[in-house]
Amino acid sequence: MISIEEEKFSVIYEMDGYTPQDFIDSLALDKNRKKVFQAGEGAGASGSFFFFSDDNRFIIKTLQGQEK
């Protein structure tokens, strides 16, 4: 069973022409490990950090508190 959050997310990425496999391929840990650790080193005062996926297709940002 798919959650409401997953359903909303799937509508957004389908509107942009992405598939679940696009996310899997772009965000594979083995490809992005170095960027994740580098992003953590530069975390701002809020504790959030962001990085571009290895193939530069996606930006990943952590969210804290009410920012969610």
C-alpha atoms as a PDB file:
ATOM      1  CA  MET A   1       0.000   0.000   0.000  1.00  0.00           C
ATOM      2  CA  ILE A   2       1.335   3.438  -0.975  1.00  0.00           C
ATOM      3  CA  SER A   3       1.276   6.249   1.595  1.00  0.00           C
ATOM      4  CA  ILE A   4      -0.227   9.679   0.922  1.00  0.00           C
ATOM      5  CA  GLU A   5       3.288  11.204   1.020  1.00  0.00           C
ATOM      6  CA  GLU A   6       4.574   8.701  -1.541  1.00  0.00           C
ATOM      7  CA  GLU A   7       1.574   9.375  -3.763  1.00  0.00           C
ATOM      8  CA  LYS A   8       2.123  13.153  -3.631  1.00  0.00           C
ATOM      9  CA  PHE A   9       5.812  12.734  -4.386  1.00  0.00           C
ATOM     10  CA  SER A  10       5.101  10.430  -7.338  1.00  0.00           C
ATOM     11  CA  VAL A  11       2.720  12.992  -8.863  1.00  0.00           C
ATOM     12  CA  ILE A  12       5.420  15.684  -8.619  1.00  0.00           C
ATOM     13  CA  TYR A  13       8.199  13.647 -10.193  1.00  0.00           C
ATOM     14  CA  GLU A  14       5.927  12.307 -12.929  1.00  0.00           C
ATOM     15  CA  MET A  15       4.946  15.892 -13.815  1.00  0.00           C
ATOM     16  CA  ASP A  16       8.658  16.652 -14.229  1.00  0.00           C
ATOM     17  CA  GLY A  17       9.187  13.575 -16.406  1.00  0.00           C
ATOM     18  CA  TYR A  18      11.151  11.516 -13.866  1.00  0.00           C
ATOM     19  CA  THR A  19      10.719   7.874 -12.932  1.00  0.00           C
ATOM     20  CA  PRO A  20      11.522   6.096  -9.683  1.00  0.00           C
ATOM     21  CA  GLN A  21      14.505   4.536 -11.482  1.00  0.00           C
ATOM     22  CA  ASP A  22      15.867   8.030 -12.230  1.00  0.00           C
ATOM     23  CA  PHE A  23      16.060   8.673  -8.482  1.00  0.00           C
ATOM     24  CA  ILE A  24      17.574   5.277  -7.762  1.00  0.00           C
ATOM     25  CA  ASP A  25      20.250   5.772 -10.415  1.00  0.00           C
ATOM     26  CA  SER A  26      21.088   9.382  -9.484  1.00  0.00           C
ATOM     27  CA  LEU A  27      21.070   8.937  -5.717  1.00  0.00           C
ATOM     28  CA  ALA A  28      22.955   5.639  -5.429  1.00  0.00           C
ATOM     29  CA  LEU A  29      25.085   5.791  -2.302  1.00  0.00           C
ATOM     30  CA  ASP A  30      28.199   4.453  -4.022  1.00  0.00           C
ATOM     31  CA  LYS A  31      28.051   7.384  -6.475  1.00  0.00           C
ATOM     32  CA  ASN A  32      27.226  10.063  -3.875  1.00  0.00           C
ATOM     33  CA  ARG A  33      29.050   9.016  -0.707  1.00  0.00           C
ATOM     34  CA  LYS A  34      31.806  11.634  -1.028  1.00  0.00           C
ATOM     35  CA  LYS A  35      29.318  14.462  -1.710  1.00  0.00           C
ATOM     36  CA  VAL A  36      27.192  13.506   1.297  1.00  0.00           C
ATOM     37  CA  PHE A  37      30.159  13.726   3.652  1.00  0.00           C
ATOM     38  CA  GLN A  38      31.382  16.972   2.084  1.00  0.00           C
ATOM     39  CA  ALA A  39      27.907  18.505   2.470  1.00  0.00           C
ATOM     40  CA  GLY A  40      27.868  17.572   6.163  1.00  0.00           C
ATOM     41  CA  GLU A  41      31.101  19.456   6.716  1.00  0.00           C
ATOM     42  CA  GLY A  42      29.511  22.703   5.510  1.00  0.00           C
ATOM     43  CA  ALA A  43      26.215  22.472   7.384  1.00  0.00           C
ATOM     44  CA  GLY A  44      24.831  25.869   8.298  1.00  0.00           C
ATOM     45  CA  ALA A  45      23.619  27.131  11.650  1.00  0.00           C
ATOM     46  CA  SER A  46      20.303  25.332  11.209  1.00  0.00           C
ATOM     47  CA  GLY A  47      22.092  21.999  10.902  1.00  0.00           C
ATOM     48  CA  SER A  48      20.685  21.459   7.385  1.00  0.00           C
ATOM     49  CA  PHE A  49      22.899  20.702   4.439  1.00  0.00           C
ATOM     50  CA  PHE A  50      22.446  20.122   0.749  1.00  0.00           C
ATOM     51  CA  PHE A  51      24.310  18.633  -2.176  1.00  0.00           C
ATOM     52  CA  PHE A  52      23.853  17.970  -5.867  1.00  0.00           C
ATOM     53  CA  SER A  53      23.561  14.344  -6.930  1.00  0.00           C
ATOM     54  CA  ASP A  54      26.652  12.966  -8.628  1.00  0.00           C
ATOM     55  CA  ASP A  55      25.074  13.438 -12.067  1.00  0.00           C
ATOM     56  CA  ASN A  56      23.792  16.951 -11.123  1.00  0.00           C
ATOM     57  CA  ARG A  57      20.173  16.025 -11.838  1.00  0.00           C
ATOM     58  CA  PHE A  58      18.888  16.537  -8.301  1.00  0.00           C
ATOM     59  CA  ILE A  59      19.547  18.737  -5.274  1.00  0.00           C
ATOM     60  CA  ILE A  60      19.177  17.040  -1.919  1.00  0.00           C
ATOM     61  CA  LYS A  61      18.550  19.153   1.170  1.00  0.00           C
ATOM     62  CA  THR A  62      17.879  18.033   4.706  1.00  0.00           C
ATOM     63  CA  LEU A  63      15.045  19.767   6.530  1.00  0.00           C
ATOM     64  CA  GLN A  64      14.868  20.627  10.200  1.00  0.00           C
ATOM     65  CA  GLY A  65      11.887  21.373  12.440  1.00  0.00           C
ATOM     66  CA  GLN A  66       9.179  23.590  10.981  1.00  0.00           C
ATOM     67  CA  GLU A  67      10.973  23.768   7.635  1.00  0.00           C
ATOM     68  CA  LYS A  68       9.494  20.340   6.905  1.00  0.00           C
END
